[in-house]
């Protein structure tokens, strides 16, 4: 079984040309970091604002999706009035869980059930105010709980400020609050307050649920 992530940047045209270029470069750097942390991960940007990722360790997929979303939401923009939708939502994302017929990284070819599920889910996703994250799986008995944790976690993520998103990004990577404070340049108490306000404790529980599922037994 594989996990795929299909995503597109919300209101990407509201960003200036330099911002678009910088964001694209930052996402590429993030993919390198993710490949270092999760060796089976591979991600690419296509069609300007579209993202595709694949990984074989399904248990990491939800955390990786949240890392990417929080990273994009932490991106600083100059015109905050013009980019309100981008700041609020960052990305629309779909995670697909299923088999893959072809995963050819060298040729950039992805084909199979998982990428079909995530790609179709993005195409069928409605307006952003009704949710910007979904998990689609071939495992029907997991469909409802996975849909629920994605929807509820997404609602929390979409309420985060730029600073809160940055702190949650580091939290998702497992950094301690003391180390986050040093990276961000604020007091540790401010990191703790931001994480609490962003409902990190709820996100943690959603991650624990997803990561304890033994997907291998369903293969």
Protein backbone atom coordinates (compact mmCIF):
# COMPACT_ATOMS: atom_id res chain seq x y z
CA UNK A 1 0.00 0.00 0.00
CA UNK A 2 1.08 3.55 -0.76
CA UNK A 3 0.03 7.02 0.33
CA UNK A 4 -0.14 9.90 -2.12
CA UNK A 5 -0.78 13.59 -1.56
CA UNK A 6 -2.34 15.80 -4.21
CA UNK A 7 -2.53 19.50 -3.39
CA UNK A 8 -2.89 22.90 -4.93
CA UNK A 9 -2.09 26.35 -3.60
CA UNK A 10 -5.21 28.33 -2.69
CA UNK A 11 -5.51 31.71 -4.45
CA UNK A 12 -2.01 31.35 -5.90
CA UNK A 13 -2.66 34.19 -8.37
CA UNK A 14 -3.01 36.62 -5.45
CA UNK A 15 0.72 36.24 -4.78
CA UNK A 16 3.16 38.54 -6.53
CA UNK A 17 5.54 37.03 -9.09
CA UNK A 18 8.55 37.20 -6.70
CA UNK A 19 6.44 35.63 -3.91
CA UNK A 20 5.35 32.82 -6.23
CA UNK A 21 8.96 32.08 -7.17
CA UNK A 22 10.12 32.21 -3.55
CA UNK A 23 7.31 29.94 -2.36
CA UNK A 24 8.08 27.42 -5.09
CA UNK A 25 11.77 27.42 -4.09
CA UNK A 26 10.87 26.97 -0.43
CA UNK A 27 8.60 24.03 -1.20
CA UNK A 28 11.45 22.37 -3.12
CA UNK A 29 13.70 22.82 -0.06
CA UNK A 30 10.96 21.36 2.14
CA UNK A 31 10.79 18.29 -0.10
CA UNK A 32 14.54 17.79 0.44
CA UNK A 33 14.03 17.99 4.23
CA UNK A 34 11.16 15.51 4.03
CA UNK A 35 13.25 13.11 1.94
CA UNK A 36 15.97 13.26 4.60
CA UNK A 37 13.46 12.54 7.38
CA UNK A 38 11.37 10.02 5.42
CA UNK A 39 13.57 8.23 2.83
CA UNK A 40 10.56 6.71 1.03
CA UNK A 41 9.03 10.17 0.42
CA UNK A 42 9.10 11.86 -2.97
CA UNK A 43 7.42 15.14 -3.93
CA UNK A 44 7.19 17.36 -6.97
CA UNK A 45 5.57 20.58 -8.13
CA UNK A 46 3.81 20.59 -11.48
CA UNK A 47 1.58 23.00 -13.39
CA UNK A 48 2.76 25.97 -11.36
CA UNK A 49 0.67 25.56 -8.21
CA UNK A 50 0.02 21.80 -8.08
CA UNK A 51 1.83 19.36 -5.79
CA UNK A 52 2.09 15.58 -5.92
CA UNK A 53 3.78 13.38 -3.30
CA UNK A 54 4.11 9.65 -2.77
CA UNK A 55 5.41 7.50 0.10
CA UNK A 56 5.35 3.82 0.93
CA UNK A 57 5.11 4.19 4.70
CA UNK A 58 1.43 5.07 4.90
CA UNK A 59 1.61 5.84 8.63
CA UNK A 60 3.63 9.01 7.93
CA UNK A 61 1.23 10.42 5.34
CA UNK A 62 -1.01 12.49 7.61
CA UNK A 63 1.92 14.10 9.44
CA UNK A 64 3.67 14.86 6.14
CA UNK A 65 0.49 16.45 4.76
CA UNK A 66 0.20 18.67 7.85
CA UNK A 67 3.89 19.59 7.64
CA UNK A 68 3.43 20.77 4.04
CA UNK A 69 0.24 22.71 4.84
CA UNK A 70 1.66 24.43 7.93
CA UNK A 71 4.83 25.30 6.02
CA UNK A 72 2.89 26.98 3.21
CA UNK A 73 0.66 28.81 5.72
CA UNK A 74 3.77 30.15 7.50
CA UNK A 75 4.93 31.85 4.28
CA UNK A 76 5.09 35.65 4.72
CA UNK A 77 3.30 37.83 2.16
CA UNK A 78 3.54 41.57 1.59
CA UNK A 79 -0.09 42.42 0.78
CA UNK A 80 -2.18 40.82 3.52
CA UNK A 81 -5.47 42.22 2.20
CA UNK A 82 -5.02 40.81 -1.30
CA UNK A 83 -3.92 37.37 -0.07
CA UNK A 84 -6.50 36.65 2.66
CA UNK A 85 -7.59 33.30 1.19
CA UNK A 86 -4.00 32.15 0.74
CA UNK A 87 -3.15 33.11 4.33
CA UNK A 88 -6.20 31.33 5.72
CA UNK A 89 -6.02 28.07 3.79
CA UNK A 90 -2.59 27.79 2.17
CA UNK A 91 -3.35 24.54 0.39
CA UNK A 92 -6.22 22.29 -0.60
CA UNK A 93 -5.02 18.75 0.03
CA UNK A 94 -6.14 15.18 -0.56
CA UNK A 95 -4.39 12.10 0.79
CA UNK A 96 -4.95 8.86 -1.13
CA UNK A 97 -4.34 5.45 0.44
CA UNK A 98 -4.19 2.48 -1.91
CA UNK A 99 -2.05 0.44 -4.26
CA UNK A 100 0.24 1.92 -6.92
CA UNK A 101 0.89 0.21 -10.25
CA UNK A 102 3.85 2.41 -11.20
CA UNK A 103 6.10 4.57 -9.01
CA UNK A 104 8.94 5.58 -11.32
CA UNK A 105 10.72 8.53 -9.70
CA UNK A 106 13.40 8.87 -12.40
CA UNK A 107 10.79 9.24 -15.14
CA UNK A 108 8.33 11.08 -12.92
CA UNK A 109 5.56 8.54 -13.55
CA UNK A 110 2.94 7.85 -10.88
CA UNK A 111 0.05 5.55 -11.72
CA UNK A 112 -2.29 3.61 -9.50
CA UNK A 113 -5.23 3.64 -7.15
CA UNK A 114 -3.74 5.95 -4.50
CA UNK A 115 -2.81 8.82 -6.87
CA UNK A 116 -6.15 8.37 -8.64
CA UNK A 117 -8.01 8.74 -5.33
CA UNK A 118 -6.12 11.86 -4.20
CA UNK A 119 -6.17 13.49 -7.64
CA UNK A 120 -9.89 12.95 -8.13
CA UNK A 121 -10.63 14.18 -4.58
CA UNK A 122 -8.86 17.49 -5.32
CA UNK A 123 -10.84 17.90 -8.55
CA UNK A 124 -14.13 17.25 -6.74
CA UNK A 125 -13.35 19.39 -3.69
CA UNK A 126 -15.87 22.18 -3.17
CA UNK A 127 -15.41 25.70 -1.87
CA UNK A 128 -12.59 26.27 0.61
CA UNK A 129 -14.94 27.30 3.43
CA UNK A 130 -16.26 23.71 3.51
CA UNK A 131 -12.85 22.18 4.15
CA UNK A 132 -9.49 21.94 2.41
CA UNK A 133 -8.28 18.48 3.42
CA UNK A 134 -9.61 14.99 2.82
CA UNK A 135 -8.31 11.44 3.18
CA UNK A 136 -9.52 8.90 0.62
CA UNK A 137 -8.86 5.20 1.09
CA UNK A 138 -9.66 1.86 -0.51
CA UNK A 139 -10.24 0.60 3.07
CA UNK A 140 -13.95 1.30 3.41
CA UNK A 141 -14.20 0.56 7.16
CA UNK A 142 -11.65 3.34 7.81
CA UNK A 143 -13.30 5.87 5.50
CA UNK A 144 -15.47 7.62 8.13
CA UNK A 145 -12.87 8.02 10.93
CA UNK A 146 -10.17 9.12 8.49
CA UNK A 147 -12.53 11.64 6.91
CA UNK A 148 -13.43 12.98 10.37
CA UNK A 149 -9.86 13.49 11.61
CA UNK A 150 -8.86 15.16 8.33
CA UNK A 151 -11.84 17.54 8.39
CA UNK A 152 -11.46 18.48 12.07
CA UNK A 153 -7.68 18.92 11.93
CA UNK A 154 -8.03 20.97 8.77
CA UNK A 155 -10.49 23.31 10.52
CA UNK A 156 -7.90 23.92 13.26
CA UNK A 157 -5.13 24.50 10.71
CA UNK A 158 -7.23 27.00 8.76
CA UNK A 159 -7.71 29.12 11.89
CA UNK A 160 -3.99 29.46 12.54
CA UNK A 161 -2.05 32.67 12.08
CA UNK A 162 1.23 32.76 10.18
CA UNK A 163 3.22 32.59 13.45
CA UNK A 164 1.11 29.74 14.84
CA UNK A 165 1.55 27.83 11.58
CA UNK A 166 5.31 28.24 11.83
CA UNK A 167 5.35 26.88 15.38
CA UNK A 168 3.08 23.95 14.51
CA UNK A 169 5.36 23.18 11.55
CA UNK A 170 8.32 22.75 13.91
CA UNK A 171 6.14 20.81 16.37
CA UNK A 172 5.21 18.38 13.60
CA UNK A 173 8.93 17.82 12.97
CA UNK A 174 9.30 16.94 16.66
CA UNK A 175 11.27 19.98 17.86
CA UNK A 176 11.10 20.89 21.55
CA UNK A 177 9.61 24.26 22.48
CA UNK A 178 12.99 25.54 23.67
CA UNK A 179 14.52 24.80 20.25
CA UNK A 180 11.54 26.32 18.44
CA UNK A 181 11.92 29.51 20.49
CA UNK A 182 15.56 29.80 19.41
CA UNK A 183 14.71 29.20 15.74
CA UNK A 184 11.80 31.66 15.67
CA UNK A 185 13.44 34.24 17.94
CA UNK A 186 10.78 34.45 20.64
CA UNK A 187 10.41 33.35 24.27
CA UNK A 188 9.64 29.74 25.07
CA UNK A 189 6.49 30.85 26.88
CA UNK A 190 5.32 32.53 23.65
CA UNK A 191 5.88 29.28 21.75
CA UNK A 192 3.83 27.39 24.33
CA UNK A 193 1.03 29.97 24.20
CA UNK A 194 0.92 29.91 20.38
CA UNK A 195 0.85 26.09 20.31
CA UNK A 196 -1.94 26.00 22.90
CA UNK A 197 -3.99 28.64 21.07
CA UNK A 198 -3.54 26.69 17.82
CA UNK A 199 -4.93 23.59 19.61
CA UNK A 200 -1.75 21.55 19.13
CA UNK A 201 -2.98 19.06 21.73
CA UNK A 202 -5.95 18.21 19.47
CA UNK A 203 -3.74 17.84 16.38
CA UNK A 204 -1.45 15.55 18.37
CA UNK A 205 -4.35 13.25 19.22
CA UNK A 206 -5.44 13.08 15.57
CA UNK A 207 -1.88 12.16 14.58
CA UNK A 208 -1.68 9.49 17.29
CA UNK A 209 -4.87 7.91 15.99
CA UNK A 210 -3.69 7.86 12.37
CA UNK A 211 -0.17 6.68 13.17
CA UNK A 212 -1.32 3.76 15.36
CA UNK A 213 -3.34 2.19 12.53
CA UNK A 214 -1.57 -0.93 11.28
CA UNK A 215 -2.04 -0.39 7.56
CA UNK A 216 0.15 -3.39 6.74
CA UNK A 217 -2.48 -5.82 8.00
CA UNK A 218 -4.87 -4.54 5.33
CA UNK A 219 -2.49 -5.15 2.42
